[in-house]
Amino acid sequence: MENAEVFWNANLEELKKGYIDENEHYVCLLCSKKIEKGIIYQEEGIFYEAEKYMKLHIESIHESVFDYLIQLDKKLTGLTEHQNHLLRLFYLGKSDADIQKETGIGSASTIRNHRFVLKEKERQAKLYLVLMELLKEKDQHAPSFLPLHKSAKMVDERYNITEDEREKSLKKYFPEGMNGPLKKFPLKEKQKLVVLREIVKRFDPNKIYQEKEINEVLTSIYDDYVILRRYLIEYGFIDRKPDGSQYWLKE
C-alpha cells in the first residue's frame, strides 16, 4: 500500500505523466512498476531508453493516465457520473454537436454550458489547492491521515484514520509484529481497514493467485480466512474472477 502514499504525494506534473523519477528508477504511479535507469529495453524489435519505456508501459498497460484516472471511484475524483461521461467524450475529441447527438442532451449549446461548468470546477480546484498549500505552512495541529488506496470503495468517515490510530490498532491486533498472525478480526470498521491494509502487503502485486494459494496466505494470518478474503474484496483491495478461481491485487 506504499504506492497509495506515493500517488497522493505526487505533484500535478507527475500525476499528468503517470510516473515519478525516483533515484535509480522511474516508478509508475498507477501500478508501482519500476523501470531501472541506464538500461536499454527492447519491445517488438524496437529499443527504448528507460523513460521512453515507462511511457510505453503506461500506454500499453493503462492506455493513458486519463483513462486510468477517469475510472477511479467518484468519491476520489469528485465527478458525477454525468460529468465523468462527458469528460470521456471530450477526451475522445468529439464535437459538441456529436456529443449532443450521442447523448440526447438538450442542444449543442447545452453541451457548451457543461464545458463551462467543468471549467469553473477547474478554477475552483486550483484555488482550493493553493489554499491547502498555504494552510500547510500555518496549521501546526493537523494530524497525519492515512492515504486512500486508489481502488477504495464506500469512501466515508471510516477512512478518517490518523497515523497514531493506525499504530495503536496494529499493536493491538498484531501483537507478534507485522509478519505475525492476526490476534482477532476487528469489529469496528476503521480498525478493519487498518488491518486489511496491512494484510494486503503480504501479497505480490504482480501475481495472479489461484483460490488455494490465496487461502493458504490468509490462513497463515488468521484461521477464518473466508472473512479476510470477503473484506479484502469488499474494501476494494483485491479482485477475482466471477467463479472465484483466481485472485489479484487491484491497482
Protein backbone atom coordinates (compact mmCIF):
# COMPACT_ATOMS: atom_id res chain seq x y z
CA MET A 1 0.00 0.00 0.00
CA GLU A 2 3.03 2.29 -0.04
CA ASN A 3 2.09 3.17 -3.61
CA ALA A 4 -1.05 4.93 -2.36
CA GLU A 5 1.07 7.42 -0.43
CA VAL A 6 3.40 7.93 -3.40
CA PHE A 7 0.39 8.51 -5.66
CA TRP A 8 -1.26 11.09 -3.40
CA ASN A 9 2.03 12.87 -2.68
CA ALA A 10 2.87 13.28 -6.37
CA ASN A 11 2.62 16.80 -7.75
CA LEU A 12 0.36 17.80 -10.63
CA GLU A 13 3.00 17.37 -13.34
CA GLU A 14 3.97 13.93 -12.03
CA LEU A 15 0.35 12.83 -11.96
CA LYS A 16 -0.13 14.05 -15.53
CA LYS A 17 2.85 11.97 -16.67
CA GLY A 18 1.80 8.98 -14.57
CA TYR A 19 5.25 8.27 -13.21
CA ILE A 20 7.92 9.76 -10.96
CA ASP A 21 11.72 9.94 -11.10
CA GLU A 22 12.94 8.09 -8.01
CA ASN A 23 16.69 7.63 -7.57
CA GLU A 24 17.72 4.81 -9.92
CA HIS A 25 14.24 4.09 -11.26
CA TYR A 26 11.18 5.55 -12.91
CA VAL A 27 8.14 4.42 -10.91
CA CYS A 28 4.65 4.11 -12.38
CA LEU A 29 2.17 5.92 -10.15
CA LEU A 30 -0.66 3.78 -11.50
CA CYS A 31 0.68 0.31 -10.68
CA SER A 32 4.08 0.76 -8.96
CA LYS A 33 6.08 -0.85 -11.78
CA LYS A 34 9.73 0.23 -11.69
CA ILE A 35 11.90 0.81 -14.75
CA GLU A 36 15.61 0.92 -13.98
CA LYS A 37 17.57 3.80 -15.45
CA GLY A 38 20.64 3.23 -17.59
CA ILE A 39 19.23 0.14 -19.30
CA ILE A 40 18.04 -0.20 -22.88
CA TYR A 41 14.75 -2.09 -23.16
CA GLN A 42 13.53 -3.99 -26.21
CA GLU A 43 9.87 -4.29 -27.20
CA GLU A 44 8.80 -5.84 -30.51
CA GLY A 45 12.19 -5.26 -32.06
CA ILE A 46 12.41 -1.62 -31.02
CA PHE A 47 14.88 -0.37 -28.40
CA TYR A 48 13.87 2.19 -25.76
CA GLU A 49 15.75 4.11 -23.10
CA ALA A 50 14.23 3.86 -19.61
CA GLU A 51 11.96 6.91 -19.54
CA LYS A 52 10.59 6.24 -23.02
CA TYR A 53 9.96 2.64 -21.99
CA MET A 54 7.99 3.84 -18.95
CA LYS A 55 5.79 5.92 -21.27
CA LEU A 56 5.29 2.85 -23.44
CA HIS A 57 4.33 0.86 -20.34
CA ILE A 58 1.64 3.38 -19.39
CA GLU A 59 0.27 3.39 -22.91
CA SER A 60 0.23 -0.40 -23.32
CA ILE A 61 -0.97 -1.36 -19.83
CA HIS A 62 -3.11 1.61 -18.75
CA GLU A 63 -4.00 3.12 -22.19
CA SER A 64 -3.32 6.59 -20.79
CA VAL A 65 -3.19 8.43 -17.48
CA PHE A 66 -6.57 9.95 -18.35
CA ASP A 67 -8.14 6.53 -18.93
CA TYR A 68 -6.80 5.29 -15.62
CA LEU A 69 -7.86 8.30 -13.55
CA ILE A 70 -11.33 8.63 -15.07
CA GLN A 71 -12.12 5.09 -13.92
CA LEU A 72 -11.42 5.85 -10.26
CA ASP A 73 -14.33 5.99 -7.84
CA LYS A 74 -16.35 9.21 -7.93
CA LYS A 75 -15.55 9.75 -4.26
CA LEU A 76 -11.92 10.15 -5.32
CA THR A 77 -12.43 12.23 -8.47
CA GLY A 78 -15.31 14.37 -7.21
CA LEU A 79 -17.08 13.88 -10.54
CA THR A 80 -20.71 12.93 -11.01
CA GLU A 81 -21.43 10.05 -13.39
CA HIS A 82 -22.73 12.59 -15.92
CA GLN A 83 -19.57 14.72 -15.71
CA ASN A 84 -17.43 11.61 -15.95
CA HIS A 85 -19.21 10.54 -19.14
CA LEU A 86 -18.86 13.98 -20.71
CA LEU A 87 -15.16 14.17 -19.91
CA ARG A 88 -14.63 10.82 -21.62
CA LEU A 89 -16.36 12.14 -24.76
CA PHE A 90 -14.43 15.43 -24.68
CA TYR A 91 -11.18 13.46 -24.36
CA LEU A 92 -12.07 11.49 -27.48
CA GLY A 93 -12.14 14.81 -29.36
CA LYS A 94 -15.83 14.75 -30.19
CA SER A 95 -17.59 18.00 -31.08
CA ASP A 96 -20.44 19.46 -29.07
CA ALA A 97 -22.86 18.57 -31.87
CA ASP A 98 -21.64 14.95 -31.98
CA ILE A 99 -21.92 14.64 -28.19
CA GLN A 100 -25.42 16.09 -28.23
CA LYS A 101 -26.50 13.51 -30.81
CA GLU A 102 -24.84 10.65 -28.93
CA THR A 103 -26.20 11.56 -25.50
CA GLY A 104 -29.50 13.14 -26.47
CA ILE A 105 -28.82 16.00 -24.06
CA GLY A 106 -30.60 19.27 -24.98
CA SER A 107 -28.70 21.00 -27.77
CA ALA A 108 -25.09 21.80 -28.70
CA SER A 109 -25.37 24.92 -26.53
CA THR A 110 -26.28 22.68 -23.59
CA ILE A 111 -23.02 20.79 -24.08
CA ARG A 112 -21.13 24.10 -24.19
CA ASN A 113 -22.71 25.02 -20.89
CA HIS A 114 -21.47 21.74 -19.42
CA ARG A 115 -17.99 22.63 -20.65
CA PHE A 116 -18.28 25.98 -18.85
CA VAL A 117 -19.33 24.27 -15.60
CA LEU A 118 -16.36 21.89 -15.81
CA LYS A 119 -14.03 24.82 -16.48
CA GLU A 120 -15.44 26.55 -13.41
CA LYS A 121 -14.77 23.40 -11.41
CA GLU A 122 -11.16 23.51 -12.64
CA ARG A 123 -10.75 27.13 -11.48
CA GLN A 124 -12.21 26.25 -8.08
CA ALA A 125 -9.87 23.27 -7.78
CA LYS A 126 -6.83 25.46 -8.48
CA LEU A 127 -7.78 27.93 -5.77
CA TYR A 128 -8.52 25.12 -3.34
CA LEU A 129 -5.09 23.58 -3.96
CA VAL A 130 -3.40 26.92 -3.31
CA LEU A 131 -5.41 27.41 -0.12
CA MET A 132 -4.45 23.96 1.15
CA GLU A 133 -0.78 24.55 0.34
CA LEU A 134 -0.85 27.84 2.26
CA LEU A 135 -2.66 26.15 5.12
CA LYS A 136 0.10 23.55 5.45
CA GLU A 137 2.53 26.36 6.25
CA LYS A 138 0.40 27.58 9.18
CA ASP A 139 -1.56 24.62 10.56
CA GLN A 140 0.59 23.20 13.34
CA HIS A 141 -2.07 20.81 14.63
CA ALA A 142 -3.17 18.93 11.50
CA PRO A 143 -2.94 15.16 12.10
CA SER A 144 -1.33 12.88 9.55
CA PHE A 145 -4.04 10.85 7.82
CA LEU A 146 -3.55 7.56 6.03
CA PRO A 147 -3.73 7.91 2.24
CA LEU A 148 -6.66 6.29 0.44
CA HIS A 149 -5.91 3.29 -1.73
CA LYS A 150 -6.95 4.11 -5.28
CA SER A 151 -9.36 1.18 -5.55
CA ALA A 152 -11.15 2.18 -2.33
CA LYS A 153 -14.89 1.56 -2.18
CA MET A 154 -17.54 3.23 0.00
CA VAL A 155 -15.25 6.14 0.87
CA ASP A 156 -16.71 7.71 4.01
CA GLU A 157 -15.83 8.51 7.63
CA ARG A 158 -14.34 5.05 8.18
CA TYR A 159 -11.32 6.24 6.16
CA ASN A 160 -10.75 9.06 8.64
CA ILE A 161 -7.74 7.32 10.20
CA THR A 162 -4.66 9.04 11.60
CA GLU A 163 -1.17 7.54 11.74
CA ASP A 164 -1.44 7.37 15.55
CA GLU A 165 -4.67 5.39 15.31
CA ARG A 166 -3.05 3.05 12.82
CA GLU A 167 -0.07 2.37 15.08
CA LYS A 168 -2.28 1.62 18.10
CA SER A 169 -4.52 -0.72 16.09
CA LEU A 170 -1.61 -2.64 14.61
CA LYS A 171 -0.02 -3.19 18.02
CA LYS A 172 -3.36 -4.43 19.33
CA TYR A 173 -4.20 -6.82 16.50
CA PHE A 174 -0.67 -7.93 15.52
CA PRO A 175 0.98 -8.32 18.95
CA GLU A 176 3.74 -10.53 17.48
CA GLY A 177 4.64 -7.96 14.83
CA MET A 178 3.55 -7.19 11.28
CA ASN A 179 4.75 -10.57 9.97
CA GLY A 180 2.95 -12.46 12.71
CA PRO A 181 -0.61 -13.76 12.94
CA LEU A 182 -3.73 -11.65 13.46
CA LYS A 183 -4.95 -11.91 17.06
CA LYS A 184 -8.60 -11.38 16.12
CA PHE A 185 -10.56 -9.67 13.37
CA PRO A 186 -11.81 -6.22 14.48
CA LEU A 187 -15.47 -5.33 14.80
CA LYS A 188 -15.02 -1.60 14.20
CA GLU A 189 -14.83 -0.56 10.55
CA LYS A 190 -11.86 1.77 10.98
CA GLN A 191 -9.82 -0.96 12.61
CA LYS A 192 -10.86 -3.45 9.93
CA LEU A 193 -9.47 -1.08 7.33
CA VAL A 194 -6.17 -0.71 9.17
CA VAL A 195 -5.81 -4.48 9.48
CA LEU A 196 -6.73 -5.12 5.83
CA ARG A 197 -4.20 -2.51 4.65
CA GLU A 198 -1.52 -4.45 6.50
CA ILE A 199 -2.64 -7.89 5.34
CA VAL A 200 -2.61 -6.90 1.67
CA LYS A 201 1.12 -6.15 1.92
CA ARG A 202 1.75 -9.89 2.10
CA PHE A 203 0.62 -10.39 -1.48
CA ASP A 204 2.68 -9.95 -4.64
CA PRO A 205 1.03 -7.18 -6.74
CA ASN A 206 2.29 -8.82 -9.94
CA LYS A 207 0.94 -12.31 -9.23
CA ILE A 208 -2.34 -14.00 -10.09
CA TYR A 209 -3.32 -16.24 -7.17
CA GLN A 210 -5.26 -19.46 -7.51
CA GLU A 211 -8.00 -19.88 -4.90
CA LYS A 212 -5.95 -22.43 -2.97
CA GLU A 213 -2.94 -20.10 -2.92
CA ILE A 214 -4.80 -17.07 -1.59
CA ASN A 215 -6.48 -19.20 1.05
CA GLU A 216 -3.08 -20.50 2.19
CA VAL A 217 -1.70 -16.98 2.57
CA LEU A 218 -4.75 -15.83 4.53
CA THR A 219 -4.83 -18.95 6.73
CA SER A 220 -1.26 -18.22 7.81
CA ILE A 221 -2.55 -14.88 9.08
CA TYR A 222 -5.88 -15.87 10.63
CA ASP A 223 -7.90 -19.10 10.97
CA ASP A 224 -11.05 -17.60 9.45
CA TYR A 225 -9.54 -16.93 6.03
CA VAL A 226 -13.01 -16.60 4.49
CA ILE A 227 -13.82 -13.42 6.41
CA LEU A 228 -10.45 -11.89 5.49
CA ARG A 229 -10.98 -12.71 1.83
CA ARG A 230 -14.51 -11.30 1.86
CA TYR A 231 -13.48 -7.96 3.38
CA LEU A 232 -10.42 -7.62 1.14
CA ILE A 233 -12.80 -7.80 -1.81
CA GLU A 234 -15.46 -5.62 -0.18
CA TYR A 235 -12.98 -2.84 0.57
CA GLY A 236 -11.51 -2.98 -2.94
CA PHE A 237 -8.07 -4.35 -2.10
CA ILE A 238 -8.33 -7.48 -4.25
CA ASP A 239 -10.43 -8.63 -7.17
CA ARG A 240 -11.31 -12.06 -8.50
CA LYS A 241 -12.84 -13.96 -11.37
CA PRO A 242 -16.62 -14.49 -11.11
CA ASP A 243 -16.09 -18.21 -10.36
CA GLY A 244 -13.56 -17.43 -7.59
CA SER A 245 -10.79 -19.41 -9.28
CA GLN A 246 -8.26 -16.57 -9.43
CA TYR A 247 -7.48 -13.50 -7.31
CA TRP A 248 -5.19 -10.50 -7.72
CA LEU A 249 -4.41 -7.18 -6.05
CA LYS A 250 -6.29 -4.24 -7.53
CA GLU A 251 -4.18 -1.33 -8.78
